[in-house]
Every structure is written in C-alpha cells, then in structure tokens.
N, C-alpha and C. Protein backbone atom coordinates (compact mmCIF):
# COMPACT_ATOMS: atom_id res chain seq x y z
N MET A 1 33.05 96.50 135.98
CA MET A 1 31.54 97.42 135.93
C MET A 1 30.31 96.21 136.33
N ARG A 2 29.87 96.94 137.32
CA ARG A 2 28.13 95.55 137.76
C ARG A 2 26.77 96.20 137.74
N LEU A 3 26.54 94.40 137.60
CA LEU A 3 24.50 94.85 136.49
C LEU A 3 24.42 96.86 137.05
N ALA A 4 24.41 96.60 138.71
CA ALA A 4 23.08 97.93 139.11
C ALA A 4 23.80 98.97 138.65
N GLU A 5 25.71 99.13 138.13
CA GLU A 5 25.89 100.40 138.33
C GLU A 5 25.49 100.24 136.05
N ILE A 6 25.01 99.07 135.00
CA ILE A 6 24.40 99.49 134.57
C ILE A 6 23.44 100.21 134.61
N LEU A 7 22.84 99.30 135.30
CA LEU A 7 21.00 99.30 134.83
C LEU A 7 20.71 101.53 135.67
N LEU A 8 22.01 101.44 136.46
CA LEU A 8 21.44 103.05 136.91
C LEU A 8 21.82 104.14 136.01
N GLU A 9 23.26 103.90 135.00
CA GLU A 9 24.13 104.99 134.44
C GLU A 9 22.78 104.67 132.98
N ARG A 10 22.27 103.48 132.65
CA ARG A 10 21.04 103.73 131.63
C ARG A 10 20.33 104.20 131.75
N GLY A 11 19.96 104.50 132.85
CA GLY A 11 17.79 105.08 133.29
C GLY A 11 17.36 103.63 133.86
N TRP A 12 17.75 103.07 133.80
CA TRP A 12 16.66 101.80 133.41
C TRP A 12 15.58 101.52 134.66
N ILE A 13 16.56 101.77 135.91
CA ILE A 13 16.55 102.14 137.39
C ILE A 13 16.67 102.81 137.90
N SER A 14 15.91 103.73 138.97
CA SER A 14 15.84 104.15 139.72
C SER A 14 17.08 103.97 141.33
N PRO A 15 17.37 104.99 141.59
CA PRO A 15 18.17 104.76 143.16
C PRO A 15 17.28 104.08 144.13
N VAL A 16 16.08 104.51 144.00
CA VAL A 16 15.06 104.31 145.03
C VAL A 16 14.31 102.98 143.97
N ARG A 17 14.13 102.56 143.39
CA ARG A 17 13.37 101.14 142.64
C ARG A 17 14.83 100.78 143.17
N LEU A 18 16.08 100.37 143.49
CA LEU A 18 17.16 99.91 143.06
C LEU A 18 16.98 99.53 144.73
N ARG A 19 17.14 99.93 145.79
CA ARG A 19 17.47 99.83 147.02
C ARG A 19 15.56 99.57 147.83
N SER A 20 14.99 99.48 146.62
CA SER A 20 13.22 98.79 147.46
C SER A 20 13.91 97.37 147.72
N LEU A 21 15.02 97.02 146.73
CA LEU A 21 15.30 95.26 146.60
C LEU A 21 15.85 94.98 148.05
N ILE A 22 16.10 95.43 148.61
CA ILE A 22 16.52 94.85 150.14
C ILE A 22 17.71 93.82 150.31
N GLY A 23 19.10 94.57 150.26
CA GLY A 23 20.04 93.28 150.51
C GLY A 23 20.96 93.05 148.74
N TYR A 24 19.87 94.36 148.71
CA TYR A 24 20.48 94.10 147.02
C TYR A 24 22.08 94.12 146.45
N GLN A 25 22.60 95.16 147.87
CA GLN A 25 24.44 95.37 147.64
C GLN A 25 25.20 94.25 148.12
N ASN A 26 24.51 93.06 148.05
CA ASN A 26 25.44 91.47 148.57
C ASN A 26 24.68 90.66 147.62
N LEU A 27 23.65 91.04 146.85
CA LEU A 27 23.24 89.81 145.38
C LEU A 27 24.39 90.24 144.36
N GLN A 28 24.98 88.56 143.97
CA GLN A 28 25.90 88.54 142.67
C GLN A 28 24.81 88.99 141.49
N ASP A 29 25.35 89.60 140.36
CA ASP A 29 24.89 89.78 139.36
C ASP A 29 23.59 88.96 138.65
N GLU A 30 23.78 87.68 139.02
CA GLU A 30 22.53 87.11 138.38
C GLU A 30 21.43 87.27 139.01
N GLN A 31 21.72 86.94 140.88
CA GLN A 31 20.98 86.56 142.07
C GLN A 31 20.16 88.16 141.61
N LEU A 32 20.85 89.19 141.28
CA LEU A 32 20.44 90.94 141.32
C LEU A 32 19.16 90.69 140.16
N ALA A 33 19.69 90.60 138.74
CA ALA A 33 18.29 90.40 137.92
C ALA A 33 17.04 89.46 137.99
N THR A 34 17.74 88.27 138.42
CA THR A 34 16.36 88.01 138.97
C THR A 34 15.85 88.24 139.92
N GLY A 35 16.18 88.86 141.31
CA GLY A 35 15.40 89.42 142.27
C GLY A 35 14.55 90.77 141.01
N LEU A 36 15.23 91.68 140.64
CA LEU A 36 15.08 92.80 140.05
C LEU A 36 13.43 92.03 139.85
N LEU A 37 13.48 91.30 138.18
CA LEU A 37 12.33 90.77 137.00
C LEU A 37 11.92 89.58 138.33
N GLU A 38 11.61 89.37 139.48
CA GLU A 38 10.64 89.04 140.59
C GLU A 38 9.59 89.73 141.03
N GLU A 39 10.41 90.88 141.37
CA GLU A 39 10.28 91.78 142.71
C GLU A 39 9.33 92.94 141.34
N GLY A 40 8.92 92.41 139.91
CA GLY A 40 8.77 93.31 139.74
C GLY A 40 9.15 94.87 138.55
N LEU A 41 10.15 94.72 138.70
CA LEU A 41 11.27 96.61 139.09
C LEU A 41 11.97 96.32 137.48
N ILE A 42 11.82 95.91 137.19
CA ILE A 42 12.27 96.50 135.75
C ILE A 42 12.25 95.26 134.28
N THR A 43 11.74 95.54 133.47
CA THR A 43 11.73 94.63 132.15
C THR A 43 12.89 93.09 131.81
N ALA A 44 12.35 92.32 130.91
CA ALA A 44 13.29 91.00 130.59
C ALA A 44 14.05 91.82 129.50
N ASP A 45 13.74 92.33 129.11
CA ASP A 45 14.51 93.01 128.08
C ASP A 45 15.80 93.77 128.54
N GLN A 46 15.17 94.36 129.42
CA GLN A 46 15.86 95.81 130.38
C GLN A 46 17.02 94.74 130.82
N ILE A 47 17.12 94.26 131.66
CA ILE A 47 17.82 93.02 132.34
C ILE A 47 18.49 91.94 131.27
N ALA A 48 18.34 91.84 130.14
CA ALA A 48 18.89 90.79 128.94
C ALA A 48 20.19 91.85 128.84
N ALA A 49 19.35 93.34 127.96
CA ALA A 49 20.98 94.59 127.28
C ALA A 49 21.41 94.81 128.54
N ALA A 50 21.64 95.13 129.25
CA ALA A 50 22.15 95.15 130.74
C ALA A 50 23.33 94.14 130.94
N LEU A 51 22.39 92.88 130.91
CA LEU A 51 24.31 91.61 130.92
C LEU A 51 24.70 91.39 130.04
N GLY A 52 24.40 92.21 128.42
CA GLY A 52 24.44 91.83 127.04
C GLY A 52 25.69 92.73 127.48
N GLU A 53 25.99 94.42 128.17
CA GLU A 53 26.69 95.00 128.07
C GLU A 53 28.03 94.68 128.90
N LEU A 54 27.20 93.94 130.37
CA LEU A 54 28.09 93.16 131.20
C LEU A 54 29.08 92.47 131.10
N TYR A 55 28.92 91.29 129.79
CA TYR A 55 29.80 90.05 129.21
C TYR A 55 29.76 90.49 127.95
N GLY A 56 29.53 91.68 127.45
CA GLY A 56 30.29 91.93 125.91
C GLY A 56 29.74 90.89 125.11
N VAL A 57 28.47 90.55 125.14
CA VAL A 57 27.81 89.72 124.19
C VAL A 57 25.85 90.36 123.50
N PRO A 58 25.53 89.77 122.34
CA PRO A 58 23.85 90.22 122.58
C PRO A 58 23.47 89.87 123.15
N PRO A 59 21.87 90.28 124.06
CA PRO A 59 21.58 90.58 124.54
C PRO A 59 19.97 89.17 124.30
N ALA A 60 19.29 88.48 124.42
CA ALA A 60 18.78 87.95 123.79
C ALA A 60 16.91 88.79 124.53
N LEU A 61 16.71 88.98 123.50
CA LEU A 61 15.53 89.82 123.60
C LEU A 61 13.91 89.41 123.13
N ASP A 62 13.10 89.86 123.36
CA ASP A 62 11.55 88.75 123.64
C ASP A 62 11.96 88.80 121.99
N ARG A 63 11.60 90.01 121.10
CA ARG A 63 11.55 89.41 119.87
C ARG A 63 12.46 87.94 119.26
N ASP A 64 13.53 87.62 120.05
CA ASP A 64 14.48 87.02 119.70
C ASP A 64 13.98 85.87 119.81
N PHE A 65 13.32 85.46 121.08
CA PHE A 65 12.68 84.34 121.69
C PHE A 65 11.55 84.24 120.34
N ALA A 66 11.20 85.05 119.71
CA ALA A 66 10.17 85.09 119.20
C ALA A 66 10.12 84.88 117.70
N ARG A 67 11.60 84.22 117.52
CA ARG A 67 12.16 83.82 116.43
C ARG A 67 12.45 82.59 116.32
N VAL A 68 12.57 81.86 117.51
CA VAL A 68 13.07 80.10 117.84
C VAL A 68 12.79 79.18 116.62
N ASP A 69 13.27 79.06 115.94
CA ASP A 69 13.70 77.52 114.44
C ASP A 69 13.18 76.28 115.43
N PRO A 70 12.01 75.68 114.81
CA PRO A 70 12.09 74.91 115.71
C PRO A 70 12.83 73.66 115.40
N GLY A 71 13.71 73.51 113.93
CA GLY A 71 14.42 72.66 113.86
C GLY A 71 15.72 72.86 114.94
N MET A 72 16.13 73.59 115.45
CA MET A 72 17.27 74.18 116.22
C MET A 72 16.76 73.68 117.56
N LEU A 73 15.41 74.03 117.51
CA LEU A 73 15.18 73.29 118.90
C LEU A 73 15.25 71.53 119.27
N LYS A 74 15.03 71.13 118.08
CA LYS A 74 14.79 69.72 118.11
C LYS A 74 16.75 69.05 117.95
N ARG A 75 17.29 69.87 117.74
CA ARG A 75 18.90 69.12 117.81
C ARG A 75 19.43 68.86 119.10
N LEU A 76 18.64 70.42 120.38
CA LEU A 76 19.09 70.18 121.93
C LEU A 76 17.70 70.08 122.64
N LYS A 77 18.75 68.52 123.30
CA LYS A 77 17.60 68.22 123.97
C LYS A 77 16.86 68.63 125.32
N ALA A 78 16.16 68.21 125.49
CA ALA A 78 15.03 68.90 126.95
C ALA A 78 16.69 69.38 127.96
N ARG A 79 16.66 68.11 128.22
CA ARG A 79 17.93 67.84 129.63
C ARG A 79 19.04 68.35 129.23
N GLN A 80 19.20 68.87 128.50
CA GLN A 80 20.92 69.15 128.03
C GLN A 80 20.69 71.16 127.64
N ALA A 81 19.53 71.27 127.35
CA ALA A 81 19.33 72.93 127.50
C ALA A 81 19.17 72.94 128.83
N GLU A 82 18.65 72.23 130.33
CA GLU A 82 18.49 72.42 131.17
C GLU A 82 19.42 72.65 131.93
N THR A 83 20.62 71.55 131.87
CA THR A 83 21.92 71.43 131.90
C THR A 83 22.65 72.65 131.63
N LEU A 84 22.73 72.84 130.21
CA LEU A 84 23.32 73.82 129.94
C LEU A 84 22.92 75.20 130.08
N LYS A 85 21.83 75.42 130.65
CA LYS A 85 20.71 76.66 130.76
C LYS A 85 20.97 76.97 129.25
N SER A 86 21.14 76.85 128.92
CA SER A 86 20.41 77.76 126.77
C SER A 86 19.05 77.22 126.00
N ILE A 87 19.33 77.68 125.25
CA ILE A 87 18.19 77.73 124.26
C ILE A 87 18.91 77.74 123.07
N PRO A 88 18.59 77.16 122.09
CA PRO A 88 18.81 77.58 120.48
C PRO A 88 17.44 78.49 119.98
N LEU A 89 17.90 79.29 119.70
CA LEU A 89 17.14 80.50 118.76
C LEU A 89 16.86 80.16 117.32
N TYR A 90 17.78 80.59 116.41
CA TYR A 90 18.16 80.87 115.29
C TYR A 90 19.53 80.40 114.64
N ILE A 91 19.53 80.54 113.09
CA ILE A 91 20.22 80.62 112.93
C ILE A 91 20.99 81.51 111.79
N THR A 92 22.38 82.26 112.42
CA THR A 92 22.23 83.71 112.04
C THR A 92 22.77 83.95 110.53
N PRO A 93 22.41 84.83 110.30
CA PRO A 93 23.32 85.76 108.62
C PRO A 93 24.42 84.98 108.21
N THR A 94 25.81 84.64 109.51
CA THR A 94 27.04 84.28 109.30
C THR A 94 26.88 82.72 109.43
N ARG A 95 25.74 82.12 109.67
CA ARG A 95 25.66 80.60 109.84
C ARG A 95 26.51 80.24 111.07
N ARG A 96 26.07 80.77 112.58
CA ARG A 96 26.68 80.31 113.22
C ARG A 96 25.15 80.22 113.76
N ALA A 97 24.60 79.63 115.09
CA ALA A 97 23.49 79.31 115.59
C ALA A 97 23.87 80.37 117.18
N ALA A 98 22.40 80.75 117.12
CA ALA A 98 22.59 82.02 118.20
C ALA A 98 21.43 81.06 119.28
N VAL A 99 22.28 80.99 120.30
CA VAL A 99 22.40 80.58 121.45
C VAL A 99 21.31 81.46 122.53
N ALA A 100 20.07 81.73 123.27
CA ALA A 100 20.36 82.15 124.24
C ALA A 100 21.06 81.82 125.70
N MET A 101 22.06 81.78 126.62
CA MET A 101 22.46 81.41 127.89
C MET A 101 22.22 82.35 129.19
N VAL A 102 22.23 81.61 129.90
CA VAL A 102 22.82 81.71 131.28
C VAL A 102 24.12 82.26 131.72
N HIS A 103 24.87 81.60 130.65
CA HIS A 103 26.45 81.79 130.93
C HIS A 103 27.08 82.15 129.41
N PRO A 104 26.93 83.24 129.16
CA PRO A 104 27.82 82.96 128.10
C PRO A 104 29.08 83.18 127.55
N THR A 105 29.77 83.19 128.90
CA THR A 105 31.41 83.16 128.46
C THR A 105 31.78 81.87 129.00
N ASP A 106 30.86 80.94 128.60
CA ASP A 106 31.23 79.67 129.77
C ASP A 106 32.04 78.48 128.51
N PRO A 107 33.25 78.53 128.54
CA PRO A 107 33.63 77.96 126.86
C PRO A 107 33.30 76.45 127.31
N LYS A 108 33.37 76.05 128.28
CA LYS A 108 32.90 74.67 128.08
C LYS A 108 31.96 74.09 127.31
N CYS A 109 30.75 75.43 127.96
CA CYS A 109 29.50 74.88 127.80
C CYS A 109 29.08 75.93 126.57
N ILE A 110 29.72 76.61 125.98
CA ILE A 110 30.41 76.88 124.55
C ILE A 110 30.17 75.81 123.72
N ASP A 111 30.92 75.43 124.22
CA ASP A 111 32.02 73.93 123.27
C ASP A 111 30.87 72.79 123.25
N ASP A 112 29.78 72.15 124.40
CA ASP A 112 29.31 71.42 124.47
C ASP A 112 28.22 71.68 123.71
N LEU A 113 27.58 72.89 123.19
CA LEU A 113 26.31 73.55 122.42
C LEU A 113 27.04 73.20 121.26
N GLY A 114 28.07 73.23 120.59
CA GLY A 114 28.76 73.61 119.06
C GLY A 114 28.79 72.12 118.82
N PHE A 115 29.04 71.63 120.08
CA PHE A 115 28.66 69.59 119.49
C PHE A 115 27.54 69.35 119.40
N ALA A 116 26.91 69.47 120.11
CA ALA A 116 25.03 69.70 119.94
C ALA A 116 25.40 69.68 119.27
N LEU A 117 24.96 71.04 118.90
CA LEU A 117 24.20 72.08 117.51
C LEU A 117 24.81 71.54 116.41
N GLY A 118 26.14 71.23 116.21
CA GLY A 118 27.08 70.66 115.24
C GLY A 118 26.98 72.45 114.12
N ALA A 119 27.34 73.00 114.97
CA ALA A 119 27.49 74.70 114.19
C ALA A 119 27.75 75.61 115.77
N ALA A 120 29.08 76.67 114.93
CA ALA A 120 30.29 77.04 116.04
C ALA A 120 28.43 78.27 116.36
N ILE A 121 28.85 78.74 118.12
CA ILE A 121 28.44 79.30 118.60
C ILE A 121 27.93 80.47 118.14
N GLU A 122 26.91 81.06 118.77
CA GLU A 122 26.73 82.76 119.10
C GLU A 122 26.20 82.93 119.94
N PRO A 123 26.64 83.32 121.39
CA PRO A 123 26.28 83.14 122.68
C PRO A 123 25.59 84.81 122.87
N MET A 124 24.49 84.75 123.29
CA MET A 124 23.22 85.50 123.35
C MET A 124 23.19 85.69 125.26
N VAL A 125 23.03 86.08 125.98
CA VAL A 125 22.57 86.29 127.31
C VAL A 125 20.94 86.44 127.78
N THR A 126 20.85 85.68 128.66
CA THR A 126 19.75 85.88 129.21
C THR A 126 19.69 85.16 130.42
N SER A 127 18.43 85.96 131.53
CA SER A 127 18.07 86.10 132.82
C SER A 127 17.87 84.56 133.23
N GLU A 128 18.12 83.75 134.43
CA GLU A 128 17.30 82.72 135.16
C GLU A 128 16.05 82.75 134.71
N PRO A 129 15.21 83.91 135.45
CA PRO A 129 13.94 83.21 134.63
C PRO A 129 13.11 83.41 133.51
N VAL A 130 14.20 83.89 132.54
CA VAL A 130 13.22 83.84 131.17
C VAL A 130 14.25 82.97 130.46
N LEU A 131 14.88 82.60 131.38
CA LEU A 131 15.37 80.79 130.33
C LEU A 131 14.27 79.92 131.03
N ALA A 132 13.59 80.23 132.21
CA ALA A 132 12.87 79.02 132.99
C ALA A 132 11.96 79.07 132.35
N ARG A 133 11.18 80.66 131.92
CA ARG A 133 10.00 80.55 131.26
C ARG A 133 10.25 79.74 129.82
N GLN A 134 11.04 80.08 128.87
CA GLN A 134 11.32 79.78 127.45
C GLN A 134 11.42 77.77 128.23
N LEU A 135 12.62 77.88 129.05
CA LEU A 135 11.68 75.68 128.89
C LEU A 135 10.36 75.58 128.86
N GLU A 136 9.77 76.17 129.42
CA GLU A 136 9.18 75.62 129.95
C GLU A 136 8.09 75.64 128.82
N LEU A 137 7.47 77.15 128.05
CA LEU A 137 6.97 77.38 127.25
C LEU A 137 8.03 76.68 125.62
N LEU A 138 8.82 75.95 125.26
CA LEU A 138 9.20 75.97 123.92
C LEU A 138 9.80 73.86 124.24
N TYR A 139 9.64 74.28 126.01
CA TYR A 139 10.22 72.47 125.71
C TYR A 139 9.31 71.40 126.75
N SER A 140 8.15 72.13 127.28
CA SER A 140 7.16 71.91 127.97
C SER A 140 8.31 71.02 129.41
N MET A 141 8.82 72.49 130.50
CA MET A 141 9.59 71.42 131.09
C MET A 141 9.38 72.53 132.20
N PRO A 142 9.46 72.66 133.27
CA PRO A 142 8.92 72.72 134.33
C PRO A 142 9.96 72.78 135.14
N ARG A 143 10.29 74.53 135.37
CA ARG A 143 11.53 75.00 136.40
C ARG A 143 11.97 74.01 137.46
N ARG A 144 13.38 73.37 137.25
CA ARG A 144 14.12 73.05 138.19
C ARG A 144 14.86 72.99 139.14
N TRP A 145 15.03 74.11 138.72
CA TRP A 145 16.38 74.76 139.86
C TRP A 145 15.95 76.08 140.80
N THR A 146 16.91 76.02 141.15
CA THR A 146 16.47 77.60 142.58
C THR A 146 17.58 78.67 141.70
N THR A 147 16.99 79.76 141.73
CA THR A 147 17.88 81.30 141.49
C THR A 147 18.58 81.97 141.81
N GLY A 148 18.62 81.39 142.95
CA GLY A 148 19.69 81.72 144.37
C GLY A 148 19.83 83.27 144.12
N TYR A 149 18.42 83.63 144.09
CA TYR A 149 17.22 85.00 144.86
C TYR A 149 16.76 84.62 145.28
N GLN A 150 17.12 85.37 147.12
CA GLN A 150 15.93 84.75 148.14
C GLN A 150 15.38 86.25 148.15
N ALA A 151 14.34 86.54 148.26
CA ALA A 151 13.72 87.95 149.17
C ALA A 151 14.44 88.28 150.71
N VAL A 152 14.75 88.87 150.78
CA VAL A 152 14.81 88.92 152.46
C VAL A 152 13.63 89.91 153.31
N TYR A 153 13.10 90.56 152.65
CA TYR A 153 12.14 90.94 153.44
C TYR A 153 11.25 91.24 153.32
N ARG A 154 9.34 91.45 153.56
CA ARG A 154 8.77 91.86 153.11
C ARG A 154 8.24 93.04 153.52
N HIS A 155 6.72 93.66 153.28
CA HIS A 155 6.20 94.58 153.83
C HIS A 155 4.93 94.46 154.41
N ALA A 156 5.40 94.86 155.57
CA ALA A 156 4.04 94.61 156.51
C ALA A 156 3.71 95.70 157.00
N VAL A 157 1.89 96.11 156.77
CA VAL A 157 1.30 97.47 157.68
C VAL A 157 2.05 97.74 158.72
N GLY A 158 2.49 99.04 158.73
CA GLY A 158 2.95 99.79 159.96
C GLY A 158 1.81 101.03 160.56
N ASP A 159 2.68 101.38 161.05
CA ASP A 159 1.54 102.70 162.19
C ASP A 159 1.02 103.89 160.71
N VAL A 160 0.36 104.44 160.57
CA VAL A 160 0.08 106.09 159.62
C VAL A 160 0.25 105.85 158.83
N GLY A 161 -0.05 104.80 157.72
CA GLY A 161 0.42 104.35 156.48
C GLY A 161 1.38 103.76 155.83
N HIS A 162 2.51 103.67 156.37
CA HIS A 162 3.91 103.39 156.01
C HIS A 162 4.34 102.01 156.55
N PRO A 163 4.73 101.67 155.31
CA PRO A 163 5.22 100.07 155.35
C PRO A 163 6.55 99.82 156.49
N ALA A 164 5.98 98.55 156.97
CA ALA A 164 6.80 98.52 158.23
C ALA A 164 7.69 97.29 157.23
N MET A 165 8.87 96.83 158.06
CA MET A 165 9.81 95.72 157.42
C MET A 165 9.86 94.58 158.54
N SER A 166 9.49 93.48 157.89
CA SER A 166 9.80 91.85 158.76
C SER A 166 10.37 90.97 158.16
N PRO A 167 10.99 90.70 158.91
CA PRO A 167 12.22 89.53 157.94
C PRO A 167 10.83 88.39 157.36
N MET A 168 11.18 87.47 156.22
CA MET A 168 10.35 86.60 155.41
C MET A 168 11.24 85.20 156.27
N PRO A 169 10.35 84.16 156.38
CA PRO A 169 10.58 83.38 157.18
C PRO A 169 11.35 82.51 156.41
N ALA A 170 12.73 82.01 157.50
CA ALA A 170 13.00 80.89 156.27
C ALA A 170 12.65 79.96 154.99
N MET A 171 13.20 79.48 154.31
CA MET A 171 13.04 78.78 153.27
C MET A 171 14.02 77.47 153.77
N PRO A 172 13.53 76.35 153.37
CA PRO A 172 14.40 75.42 152.72
C PRO A 172 15.66 74.89 152.24
N ALA A 173 16.45 74.63 151.60
CA ALA A 173 17.71 75.17 150.95
C ALA A 173 16.92 74.20 149.71
N ASP A 174 15.92 73.13 149.72
CA ASP A 174 15.94 72.16 148.83
C ASP A 174 14.39 72.44 148.05
N GLU A 175 14.00 73.73 148.34
CA GLU A 175 12.57 74.36 148.10
C GLU A 175 12.83 75.57 147.25
N SER A 176 11.95 75.43 146.24
CA SER A 176 12.76 76.86 144.95
C SER A 176 11.40 77.83 145.25
N ARG A 177 12.31 79.10 145.11
CA ARG A 177 10.69 79.97 145.23
C ARG A 177 9.88 80.50 144.18
N PRO A 178 8.97 79.91 143.62
CA PRO A 178 8.40 80.23 141.98
C PRO A 178 8.59 81.39 142.21
N ILE A 179 8.79 82.14 141.23
CA ILE A 179 9.07 82.98 139.79
C ILE A 179 7.18 83.21 139.41
N SER A 180 7.41 85.12 139.72
CA SER A 180 6.33 85.68 139.23
C SER A 180 6.67 86.06 137.65
N LEU A 181 5.97 85.92 137.03
CA LEU A 181 6.05 85.85 135.52
C LEU A 181 5.12 87.00 134.38
N ALA A 182 4.99 87.09 135.75
CA ALA A 182 3.84 88.42 134.81
C ALA A 182 4.45 90.07 134.76
N PRO A 183 6.07 90.54 134.92
CA PRO A 183 6.37 90.96 133.89
C PRO A 183 6.97 90.92 133.35
N LEU A 184 7.31 89.45 133.15
CA LEU A 184 7.95 89.72 131.83
C LEU A 184 6.81 89.27 130.60
N ALA A 185 5.58 88.69 131.58
CA ALA A 185 4.55 88.39 130.05
C ALA A 185 3.19 89.89 130.13
N ALA A 186 3.61 90.73 130.34
CA ALA A 186 2.70 92.24 130.78
C ALA A 186 2.19 92.18 129.23
N THR A 187 3.41 92.75 128.22
CA THR A 187 2.80 93.24 126.77
C THR A 187 3.19 92.03 125.48
N ALA A 188 2.94 91.44 124.74
CA ALA A 188 3.21 90.88 123.40
C ALA A 188 4.18 91.00 123.08
N GLY A 189 4.37 92.45 122.52
CA GLY A 189 5.83 92.94 122.06
C GLY A 189 7.59 93.00 122.69
N SER A 190 8.05 93.77 122.66
CA SER A 190 9.32 93.52 123.51
C SER A 190 9.20 94.47 124.47
N GLN A 191 9.65 94.66 125.25
CA GLN A 191 9.32 95.03 126.64
C GLN A 191 10.81 96.10 126.64
N PHE A 192 11.50 96.16 125.75
CA PHE A 192 12.73 96.80 126.12
C PHE A 192 12.30 98.46 125.09
N ALA A 193 12.67 99.35 125.90
CA ALA A 193 12.03 100.75 125.34
C ALA A 193 13.30 101.32 125.68
N PRO A 194 14.45 101.71 123.88
CA PRO A 194 15.67 102.23 124.12
C PRO A 194 15.90 103.51 124.80
N GLY A 195 16.99 104.02 125.51
CA GLY A 195 16.90 105.44 125.93
C GLY A 195 18.28 105.57 125.72
C-alpha cells in the first residue's frame, strides 16, 4: 500500500487536495510526504502516522520530539545524525533507544545507530522536512540535503478568477529548495487528530 492510499483511506486528505499536488502520481512516497508538507496540505503528525503504517514502525510525533533526552543527543554527533537521517529521542521502558528515522527499515542504519548509541534501537519514522527542522533545533545544523521534491507547477492568475497553471522554472540540481515549515509549527501541541 502506498502513502497516498493510506492518507486517503484514513480521511487525512481528500482526493481533491491530493490532486492539487500536480504530478503526485509520479512521486515516491518520501517525495510525496515532503511535497504535501511543503504545500501545507497535511500535518507533520499525520504524515508520520501514515509513514508508520507504511513501514510497520511507530511514528515519531511532535510529542516524541518534545521528549528528547539531551543525554541521548550527545551520544550521536551532529554529522552522524545528518548522515543517518536520524535523531535519538529517549530510552523506552524496554531499555531501547527510540530514534526518529527517515529510513526506519534500513538494517545498516539501525546497526550504525546501535553502535553509536550503545543500545538496541527502536526505530520510529519521520519525514525529511521534520527531521531537517529538528536537526536545526536540536543540533543547530542548517539543512544540507535536498528532499527530492520539486514542485512541477505553480498557480498564475487566469481570467475570470480561475487559476491557470504555469510551469515553474527549472532549478539547478545542486540548489536545494527551502522548506516552508509554517504547517509544521502551526500549533504548540500535537497536530495529529485521531480519526
């Protein structure tokens, strides 16, 4: 089951809103998650919950990032966190290290994290924009990788008040597009509304 199907099935996005992300059918799941967040079409917690269902691991929600143990952060250097696209969160009741990860099913990444943290890993999934924002907040690290999402079209004012679609200019491959995090920080609490 793909991410779009999960989001539609859960009612977290309507078909109309999904189709407003031009070219969504051609995006991989991670790119789709990034695109939906960048365009403000869904919340970070909803994306995390859907990715959790897709990968079969728990989602790293806003409340999980609020529980970050500073001692855990010190065990994983900023460059390691960036390379592994992972942030250690806290120790679980079963004495495992809960880690927010973009690739929670990658065995090499899990092994590298286990070695760095000195603990068994409890992978939790997050999206690239959320991880990038948390790297900025927790490690004071600016975003250094592209997310793979490139908007294909943007709205231009058409006649009779209807928007017309116009192609976006091409962006050089080495230039990353800044992520709007307004939908990620809209509220102080969790943005996930169970349905």
